[in-house]
Amino acid sequence: MEIKYSRDAIKFLSKLDKKSAERIRNAISKLASSSPQGDIATMQGYDDNRKRLRIGGWRVIFRYNKHNCIEVLFVINIGNRGDIYK
């Protein structure tokens, strides 16, 4: 499975220290496995089947897409718990 990041997600990861960014990337890579791991929940109020992954105080908003018969994990946004849902 291919993993794609939005511009906002890349920007947030670039501002973090290396250890924290690596922790988030490892958690995202586990989402791309055949059986996704982590604290995952479907988000209410969206028609595009968005989900969120909880990693400590951070949240990763993502969705699964299928593009030309290839499954793609698209990371929409990453942020702090209090700011990501606004």
C-alpha atoms as a PDB file:
ATOM      1  CA  MET A   1       0.000   0.000   0.000  1.00  0.00           C
ATOM      2  CA  GLU A   2       1.246   3.438  -0.905  1.00  0.00           C
ATOM      3  CA  ILE A   3       1.244   6.280   1.651  1.00  0.00           C
ATOM      4  CA  LYS A   4       0.666   9.874   0.521  1.00  0.00           C
ATOM      5  CA  TYR A   5       0.828  12.980   2.706  1.00  0.00           C
ATOM      6  CA  SER A   6      -0.975  16.283   2.244  1.00  0.00           C
ATOM      7  CA  ARG A   7       1.013  19.509   2.288  1.00  0.00           C
ATOM      8  CA  ASP A   8      -0.322  20.346   5.778  1.00  0.00           C
ATOM      9  CA  ALA A   9       0.766  16.956   7.145  1.00  0.00           C
ATOM     10  CA  ILE A  10       4.287  17.339   5.748  1.00  0.00           C
ATOM     11  CA  LYS A  11       4.514  20.849   7.183  1.00  0.00           C
ATOM     12  CA  PHE A  12       3.501  19.650  10.657  1.00  0.00           C
ATOM     13  CA  LEU A  13       6.004  16.768  10.599  1.00  0.00           C
ATOM     14  CA  SER A  14       8.818  19.080   9.515  1.00  0.00           C
ATOM     15  CA  LYS A  15       8.272  21.290  12.575  1.00  0.00           C
ATOM     16  CA  LEU A  16       8.508  18.409  15.057  1.00  0.00           C
ATOM     17  CA  ASP A  17      11.687  17.075  16.605  1.00  0.00           C
ATOM     18  CA  LYS A  18      13.103  13.947  14.940  1.00  0.00           C
ATOM     19  CA  LYS A  19      12.038  11.529  17.683  1.00  0.00           C
ATOM     20  CA  SER A  20       8.396  12.680  17.641  1.00  0.00           C
ATOM     21  CA  ALA A  21       8.208  12.746  13.845  1.00  0.00           C
ATOM     22  CA  GLU A  22       9.624   9.221  13.689  1.00  0.00           C
ATOM     23  CA  ARG A  23       7.049   8.028  16.237  1.00  0.00           C
ATOM     24  CA  ILE A  24       4.226   9.413  14.098  1.00  0.00           C
ATOM     25  CA  ARG A  25       5.676   7.966  10.866  1.00  0.00           C
ATOM     26  CA  ASN A  26       5.994   4.519  12.478  1.00  0.00           C
ATOM     27  CA  ALA A  27       2.352   4.639  13.601  1.00  0.00           C
ATOM     28  CA  ILE A  28       1.247   5.691  10.100  1.00  0.00           C
ATOM     29  CA  SER A  29       3.243   2.855   8.515  1.00  0.00           C
ATOM     30  CA  LYS A  30       1.338   0.390  10.731  1.00  0.00           C
ATOM     31  CA  LEU A  31      -1.887   1.692   9.150  1.00  0.00           C
ATOM     32  CA  ALA A  32      -0.672   0.519   5.744  1.00  0.00           C
ATOM     33  CA  SER A  33      -0.358  -3.111   6.852  1.00  0.00           C
ATOM     34  CA  SER A  34      -3.017  -5.717   6.067  1.00  0.00           C
ATOM     35  CA  SER A  35      -4.465  -5.394   9.567  1.00  0.00           C
ATOM     36  CA  PRO A  36      -4.195  -1.730  10.696  1.00  0.00           C
ATOM     37  CA  GLN A  37      -2.956  -1.239  14.248  1.00  0.00           C
ATOM     38  CA  GLY A  38      -3.514   1.612  16.671  1.00  0.00           C
ATOM     39  CA  ASP A  39      -6.311   3.600  18.268  1.00  0.00           C
ATOM     40  CA  ILE A  40      -8.402   4.174  15.133  1.00  0.00           C
ATOM     41  CA  ALA A  41     -11.903   5.658  15.015  1.00  0.00           C
ATOM     42  CA  THR A  42     -14.193   6.683  12.160  1.00  0.00           C
ATOM     43  CA  MET A  43     -14.918  10.408  12.174  1.00  0.00           C
ATOM     44  CA  GLN A  44     -18.518  11.590  12.274  1.00  0.00           C
ATOM     45  CA  GLY A  45     -19.894  14.167   9.831  1.00  0.00           C
ATOM     46  CA  TYR A  46     -17.718  13.370   6.803  1.00  0.00           C
ATOM     47  CA  ASP A  47     -18.843  11.553   3.663  1.00  0.00           C
ATOM     48  CA  ASP A  48     -15.336  10.542   2.546  1.00  0.00           C
ATOM     49  CA  ASN A  49     -14.902   7.866   5.285  1.00  0.00           C
ATOM     50  CA  ARG A  50     -12.220   9.754   7.227  1.00  0.00           C
ATOM     51  CA  LYS A  51     -10.658   8.115  10.223  1.00  0.00           C
ATOM     52  CA  ARG A  52      -8.442   9.363  12.995  1.00  0.00           C
ATOM     53  CA  LEU A  53      -5.447   7.739  14.628  1.00  0.00           C
ATOM     54  CA  ARG A  54      -4.523   8.699  18.179  1.00  0.00           C
ATOM     55  CA  ILE A  55      -0.799   8.839  18.986  1.00  0.00           C
ATOM     56  CA  GLY A  56      -0.460  10.262  22.484  1.00  0.00           C
ATOM     57  CA  GLY A  57      -1.410  13.944  22.248  1.00  0.00           C
ATOM     58  CA  TRP A  58      -1.349  13.973  18.453  1.00  0.00           C
ATOM     59  CA  ARG A  59      -4.049  13.023  15.971  1.00  0.00           C
ATOM     60  CA  VAL A  60      -3.629  11.838  12.382  1.00  0.00           C
ATOM     61  CA  ILE A  61      -6.616  12.293  10.071  1.00  0.00           C
ATOM     62  CA  PHE A  62      -6.528   9.868   7.134  1.00  0.00           C
ATOM     63  CA  ARG A  63      -8.577   7.868   4.650  1.00  0.00           C
ATOM     64  CA  TYR A  64      -8.063   4.911   2.371  1.00  0.00           C
ATOM     65  CA  ASN A  65      -8.420   5.486  -1.393  1.00  0.00           C
ATOM     66  CA  LYS A  66      -8.185   3.225  -4.392  1.00  0.00           C
ATOM     67  CA  HIS A  67      -6.399   4.772  -7.366  1.00  0.00           C
ATOM     68  CA  ASN A  68      -5.824   2.733 -10.549  1.00  0.00           C
ATOM     69  CA  CYS A  69      -6.249  -0.561  -8.650  1.00  0.00           C
ATOM     70  CA  ILE A  70      -3.629   0.540  -6.099  1.00  0.00           C
ATOM     71  CA  GLU A  71      -4.671   1.102  -2.508  1.00  0.00           C
ATOM     72  CA  VAL A  72      -3.481   4.439  -1.150  1.00  0.00           C
ATOM     73  CA  LEU A  73      -3.395   5.628   2.439  1.00  0.00           C
ATOM     74  CA  PHE A  74      -3.862   9.405   2.250  1.00  0.00           C
ATOM     75  CA  VAL A  75      -2.848  11.368   5.365  1.00  0.00           C
ATOM     76  CA  ILE A  76      -5.057  14.456   5.347  1.00  0.00           C
ATOM     77  CA  ASN A  77      -3.743  16.255   8.414  1.00  0.00           C
ATOM     78  CA  ILE A  78      -1.660  15.798  11.558  1.00  0.00           C
ATOM     79  CA  GLY A  79      -1.930  17.994  14.624  1.00  0.00           C
ATOM     80  CA  ASN A  80      -2.248  18.402  18.355  1.00  0.00           C
ATOM     81  CA  ARG A  81      -5.317  16.972  20.032  1.00  0.00           C
ATOM     82  CA  GLY A  82      -6.917  20.333  20.792  1.00  0.00           C
ATOM     83  CA  ASP A  83      -6.233  21.969  17.437  1.00  0.00           C
ATOM     84  CA  ILE A  84      -6.833  19.260  14.838  1.00  0.00           C
ATOM     85  CA  TYR A  85     -10.642  19.190  15.024  1.00  0.00           C
ATOM     86  CA  LYS A  86     -11.133  22.955  14.608  1.00  0.00           C
END
